[in-house]
């Protein structure tokens, strides 16, 4: 690991972790949140976050067969329309840059499946997962790293 941002920047870690915990108590189902977090972590190549969110997804009742197909969710059976809308928005947001934007069709589909509070929560969850991923990838955080304080289990709703 190049640098430990969790002990060196402990107040920032605490602040971001507090936001994560607050979002986990929001209007979205825990299983959906963990699917989104795991997919964003796959795209960003964050092994630590991927391990964490796959574990939490299982605890939230997501079947292993669905997790096995997550990288190919667009062609895979078993994902409902709400999950597909969330995953599509998450992928679009994660891949912003180089002239890429969230396509109007992706946005419209998300609006069709999520109310205002849910959509706001989804936007922040995707954004925050990208923050965690980018920090962890930048410092080459090992997949088996133990955080300075125990990370609470994702709540069940």
Foldseek 3Di string as FASTA:
>chain_A
DQDDCCVVVVVVNVVLLVVVLVLLPFDDAQLLLLLLLLQLCVVLVQLQSNVQSVVLNVVLPDDPVCVVCSPVVVPDPDADLQSVLLNLQLVQVSPDDPPGHNDPVSVVSNPVNDDPRRVVSSVVSSVSSSVVSVVCVVRVPDNPDQRPDHRDRRDGD
